[in-house]
Amino acid sequence: MTATPAPDLSDLAGLCGLRSAPELDGALRQHLRSQLQERLAACTWFTVGIMAGSAEAAVAALRATEQALAWTPLAADLAGPAPEMVEGPVFLKGNQRNGRFLLRAEAGLGEGILITGHNPEDPAVEDTWGPLPLDFFGV
């Protein structure tokens, strides 16, 4: 039986396709954060997906991401359940365009933060980065 090779995490592309965010040491975390900042700077707005073991953990990761990236805080979408009503593993989807996030119970996912950058004027810079650890932005 052949062991699966460890992903090359020297670049954000190494995270692509992982089910869950890997543990990152301080130097690698800073390196990836620097790369992410460069890519985010080319985008005009963002969506974020957060896979977490609880609604509380997902919302905490969202708030830390918003604060670290100087994003306007998103409000819970009134079309969905209140975050405190969602139990167990969750997926949080946030959208800067509409200023809202929606949480849903979702078993079987990994754990981490996915950020998608959008730029209608330059689609070549658009991409999805992650999964990043839930504490990537300081939770």
C-alpha atoms as a PDB file:
ATOM      1  CA  MET A   1       0.000   0.000   0.000  1.00  0.00           C
ATOM      2  CA  THR A   2       1.421   3.382  -1.000  1.00  0.00           C
ATOM      3  CA  ALA A   3       1.163   6.274   1.435  1.00  0.00           C
ATOM      4  CA  THR A   4      -0.465   9.445   0.198  1.00  0.00           C
ATOM      5  CA  PRO A   5       2.193  12.150  -0.136  1.00  0.00           C
ATOM      6  CA  ALA A   6       1.858  15.174   2.110  1.00  0.00           C
ATOM      7  CA  PRO A   7       0.608  18.270   0.291  1.00  0.00           C
ATOM      8  CA  ASP A   8       3.143  20.947  -0.637  1.00  0.00           C
ATOM      9  CA  LEU A   9       2.059  23.817   1.574  1.00  0.00           C
ATOM     10  CA  SER A  10       4.718  26.249   0.375  1.00  0.00           C
ATOM     11  CA  ASP A  11       1.972  27.921  -1.677  1.00  0.00           C
ATOM     12  CA  LEU A  12      -1.769  28.475  -1.241  1.00  0.00           C
ATOM     13  CA  ALA A  13      -2.340  26.076  -4.146  1.00  0.00           C
ATOM     14  CA  GLY A  14      -1.203  23.236  -1.862  1.00  0.00           C
ATOM     15  CA  LEU A  15      -4.368  23.673   0.195  1.00  0.00           C
ATOM     16  CA  CYS A  16      -6.661  23.220  -2.788  1.00  0.00           C
ATOM     17  CA  GLY A  17      -8.481  19.912  -2.683  1.00  0.00           C
ATOM     18  CA  LEU A  18      -7.845  19.195   1.006  1.00  0.00           C
ATOM     19  CA  ARG A  19     -10.881  18.012   2.932  1.00  0.00           C
ATOM     20  CA  SER A  20      -9.827  19.805   6.115  1.00  0.00           C
ATOM     21  CA  ALA A  21      -7.359  22.551   6.870  1.00  0.00           C
ATOM     22  CA  PRO A  22      -3.924  21.305   7.928  1.00  0.00           C
ATOM     23  CA  GLU A  23      -2.158  22.440  11.072  1.00  0.00           C
ATOM     24  CA  LEU A  24       0.260  25.252  10.244  1.00  0.00           C
ATOM     25  CA  ASP A  25       3.289  26.409  12.205  1.00  0.00           C
ATOM     26  CA  GLY A  26       3.856  30.128  12.734  1.00  0.00           C
ATOM     27  CA  ALA A  27       6.291  30.685   9.859  1.00  0.00           C
ATOM     28  CA  LEU A  28       4.152  28.814   7.337  1.00  0.00           C
ATOM     29  CA  ARG A  29       1.035  30.583   8.567  1.00  0.00           C
ATOM     30  CA  GLN A  30       2.710  33.974   8.002  1.00  0.00           C
ATOM     31  CA  HIS A  31       3.976  32.911   4.569  1.00  0.00           C
ATOM     32  CA  LEU A  32       0.522  31.762   3.431  1.00  0.00           C
ATOM     33  CA  ARG A  33      -1.129  34.829   4.926  1.00  0.00           C
ATOM     34  CA  SER A  34       1.220  37.063   2.938  1.00  0.00           C
ATOM     35  CA  GLN A  35       0.357  35.184  -0.267  1.00  0.00           C
ATOM     36  CA  LEU A  36      -3.340  35.405   0.534  1.00  0.00           C
ATOM     37  CA  GLN A  37      -3.148  39.172   1.149  1.00  0.00           C
ATOM     38  CA  GLU A  38      -1.596  39.659  -2.308  1.00  0.00           C
ATOM     39  CA  ARG A  39      -4.349  37.677  -3.993  1.00  0.00           C
ATOM     40  CA  LEU A  40      -7.134  39.314  -2.004  1.00  0.00           C
ATOM     41  CA  ALA A  41      -5.843  42.759  -2.958  1.00  0.00           C
ATOM     42  CA  ALA A  42      -6.647  42.015  -6.612  1.00  0.00           C
ATOM     43  CA  CYS A  43     -10.307  41.250  -5.845  1.00  0.00           C
ATOM     44  CA  THR A  44     -13.210  43.625  -5.325  1.00  0.00           C
ATOM     45  CA  TRP A  45     -15.490  41.485  -3.155  1.00  0.00           C
ATOM     46  CA  PHE A  46     -15.569  38.078  -1.455  1.00  0.00           C
ATOM     47  CA  THR A  47     -17.574  35.096  -0.410  1.00  0.00           C
ATOM     48  CA  VAL A  48     -16.513  32.930   2.490  1.00  0.00           C
ATOM     49  CA  GLY A  49     -17.376  29.355   3.391  1.00  0.00           C
ATOM     50  CA  ILE A  50     -16.651  28.019   6.856  1.00  0.00           C
ATOM     51  CA  MET A  51     -16.859  24.356   7.790  1.00  0.00           C
ATOM     52  CA  ALA A  52     -16.874  23.905  11.553  1.00  0.00           C
ATOM     53  CA  GLY A  53     -17.963  21.570  14.313  1.00  0.00           C
ATOM     54  CA  SER A  54     -20.465  24.080  15.665  1.00  0.00           C
ATOM     55  CA  ALA A  55     -22.270  27.284  14.764  1.00  0.00           C
ATOM     56  CA  GLU A  56     -20.373  29.083  17.534  1.00  0.00           C
ATOM     57  CA  ALA A  57     -17.001  28.055  16.051  1.00  0.00           C
ATOM     58  CA  ALA A  58     -18.091  29.034  12.528  1.00  0.00           C
ATOM     59  CA  VAL A  59     -19.329  32.478  13.567  1.00  0.00           C
ATOM     60  CA  ALA A  60     -16.171  33.066  15.654  1.00  0.00           C
ATOM     61  CA  ALA A  61     -14.011  32.200  12.623  1.00  0.00           C
ATOM     62  CA  LEU A  62     -16.131  34.517  10.442  1.00  0.00           C
ATOM     63  CA  ARG A  63     -15.757  37.418  12.881  1.00  0.00           C
ATOM     64  CA  ALA A  64     -11.980  36.896  13.157  1.00  0.00           C
ATOM     65  CA  THR A  65     -11.712  36.799   9.346  1.00  0.00           C
ATOM     66  CA  GLU A  66     -13.769  39.977   8.986  1.00  0.00           C
ATOM     67  CA  GLN A  67     -11.678  41.774  11.596  1.00  0.00           C
ATOM     68  CA  ALA A  68      -8.308  40.649  10.199  1.00  0.00           C
ATOM     69  CA  LEU A  69      -9.265  41.575   6.631  1.00  0.00           C
ATOM     70  CA  ALA A  70     -11.094  44.801   7.573  1.00  0.00           C
ATOM     71  CA  TRP A  71     -14.358  43.538   6.095  1.00  0.00           C
ATOM     72  CA  THR A  72     -17.700  44.998   7.127  1.00  0.00           C
ATOM     73  CA  PRO A  73     -19.321  42.425   9.447  1.00  0.00           C
ATOM     74  CA  LEU A  74     -21.969  40.287   7.793  1.00  0.00           C
ATOM     75  CA  ALA A  75     -25.416  39.884   9.356  1.00  0.00           C
ATOM     76  CA  ALA A  76     -27.233  36.579   9.749  1.00  0.00           C
ATOM     77  CA  ASP A  77     -29.640  36.011   6.853  1.00  0.00           C
ATOM     78  CA  LEU A  78     -33.173  36.136   8.212  1.00  0.00           C
ATOM     79  CA  ALA A  79     -34.227  33.504   5.660  1.00  0.00           C
ATOM     80  CA  GLY A  80     -32.218  30.906   7.560  1.00  0.00           C
ATOM     81  CA  PRO A  81     -32.221  29.687  11.146  1.00  0.00           C
ATOM     82  CA  ALA A  82     -30.627  31.835  13.836  1.00  0.00           C
ATOM     83  CA  PRO A  83     -27.048  30.647  14.428  1.00  0.00           C
ATOM     84  CA  GLU A  84     -27.816  29.682  18.026  1.00  0.00           C
ATOM     85  CA  MET A  85     -30.518  27.311  16.748  1.00  0.00           C
ATOM     86  CA  VAL A  86     -28.179  25.240  14.542  1.00  0.00           C
ATOM     87  CA  GLU A  87     -26.672  22.242  16.330  1.00  0.00           C
ATOM     88  CA  GLY A  88     -23.760  20.020  15.400  1.00  0.00           C
ATOM     89  CA  PRO A  89     -21.383  20.433  12.455  1.00  0.00           C
ATOM     90  CA  VAL A  90     -22.202  23.365  10.178  1.00  0.00           C
ATOM     91  CA  PHE A  91     -21.419  25.106   6.927  1.00  0.00           C
ATOM     92  CA  LEU A  92     -21.519  28.913   6.967  1.00  0.00           C
ATOM     93  CA  LYS A  93     -21.745  30.766   3.655  1.00  0.00           C
ATOM     94  CA  GLY A  94     -21.086  34.506   3.729  1.00  0.00           C
ATOM     95  CA  ASN A  95     -21.454  36.969   0.874  1.00  0.00           C
ATOM     96  CA  GLN A  96     -20.096  40.522   0.898  1.00  0.00           C
ATOM     97  CA  ARG A  97     -22.313  41.446  -2.042  1.00  0.00           C
ATOM     98  CA  ASN A  98     -25.498  41.049  -0.010  1.00  0.00           C
ATOM     99  CA  GLY A  99     -23.917  41.589   3.436  1.00  0.00           C
ATOM    100  CA  ARG A 100     -25.338  38.355   4.834  1.00  0.00           C
ATOM    101  CA  PHE A 101     -24.315  34.909   6.009  1.00  0.00           C
ATOM    102  CA  LEU A 102     -26.368  31.749   6.203  1.00  0.00           C
ATOM    103  CA  LEU A 103     -25.669  28.768   8.437  1.00  0.00           C
ATOM    104  CA  ARG A 104     -26.869  25.243   7.881  1.00  0.00           C
ATOM    105  CA  ALA A 105     -26.301  21.960   9.667  1.00  0.00           C
ATOM    106  CA  GLU A 106     -23.983  19.859   7.548  1.00  0.00           C
ATOM    107  CA  ALA A 107     -22.480  16.589   8.746  1.00  0.00           C
ATOM    108  CA  GLY A 108     -19.562  14.909   7.000  1.00  0.00           C
ATOM    109  CA  LEU A 109     -17.612  18.019   6.041  1.00  0.00           C
ATOM    110  CA  GLY A 110     -14.041  18.730   6.961  1.00  0.00           C
ATOM    111  CA  GLU A 111     -13.050  21.836   8.884  1.00  0.00           C
ATOM    112  CA  GLY A 112     -11.680  25.137   7.653  1.00  0.00           C
ATOM    113  CA  ILE A 113     -12.189  28.485   5.959  1.00  0.00           C
ATOM    114  CA  LEU A 114     -12.605  28.892   2.202  1.00  0.00           C
ATOM    115  CA  ILE A 115     -12.375  32.382   0.701  1.00  0.00           C
ATOM    116  CA  THR A 116     -13.390  33.135  -2.865  1.00  0.00           C
ATOM    117  CA  GLY A 117     -12.258  36.399  -4.398  1.00  0.00           C
ATOM    118  CA  HIS A 118     -14.343  38.045  -7.108  1.00  0.00           C
ATOM    119  CA  ASN A 119     -13.401  40.714  -9.629  1.00  0.00           C
ATOM    120  CA  PRO A 120     -15.789  41.072 -12.572  1.00  0.00           C
ATOM    121  CA  GLU A 121     -13.368  43.441 -14.350  1.00  0.00           C
ATOM    122  CA  ASP A 122     -10.495  40.903 -14.156  1.00  0.00           C
ATOM    123  CA  PRO A 123     -11.825  37.324 -13.835  1.00  0.00           C
ATOM    124  CA  ALA A 124      -8.281  35.952 -14.144  1.00  0.00           C
ATOM    125  CA  VAL A 125      -7.575  36.976 -10.520  1.00  0.00           C
ATOM    126  CA  GLU A 126     -10.674  35.218  -9.162  1.00  0.00           C
ATOM    127  CA  ASP A 127     -10.064  32.034  -7.196  1.00  0.00           C
ATOM    128  CA  THR A 128     -10.917  30.103  -4.058  1.00  0.00           C
ATOM    129  CA  TRP A 129      -8.273  29.740  -1.359  1.00  0.00           C
ATOM    130  CA  GLY A 130      -8.242  27.208   1.449  1.00  0.00           C
ATOM    131  CA  PRO A 131      -9.193  25.386   3.470  1.00  0.00           C
ATOM    132  CA  LEU A 132      -7.403  27.551   6.007  1.00  0.00           C
ATOM    133  CA  PRO A 133      -7.452  26.609   9.690  1.00  0.00           C
ATOM    134  CA  LEU A 134     -10.352  28.057  11.680  1.00  0.00           C
ATOM    135  CA  ASP A 135      -7.826  29.978  13.776  1.00  0.00           C
ATOM    136  CA  PHE A 136      -5.919  31.298  10.737  1.00  0.00           C
ATOM    137  CA  PHE A 137      -7.075  34.846  11.451  1.00  0.00           C
ATOM    138  CA  GLY A 138      -6.673  34.669  15.211  1.00  0.00           C
ATOM    139  CA  VAL A 139      -9.723  32.881  16.659  1.00  0.00           C
END
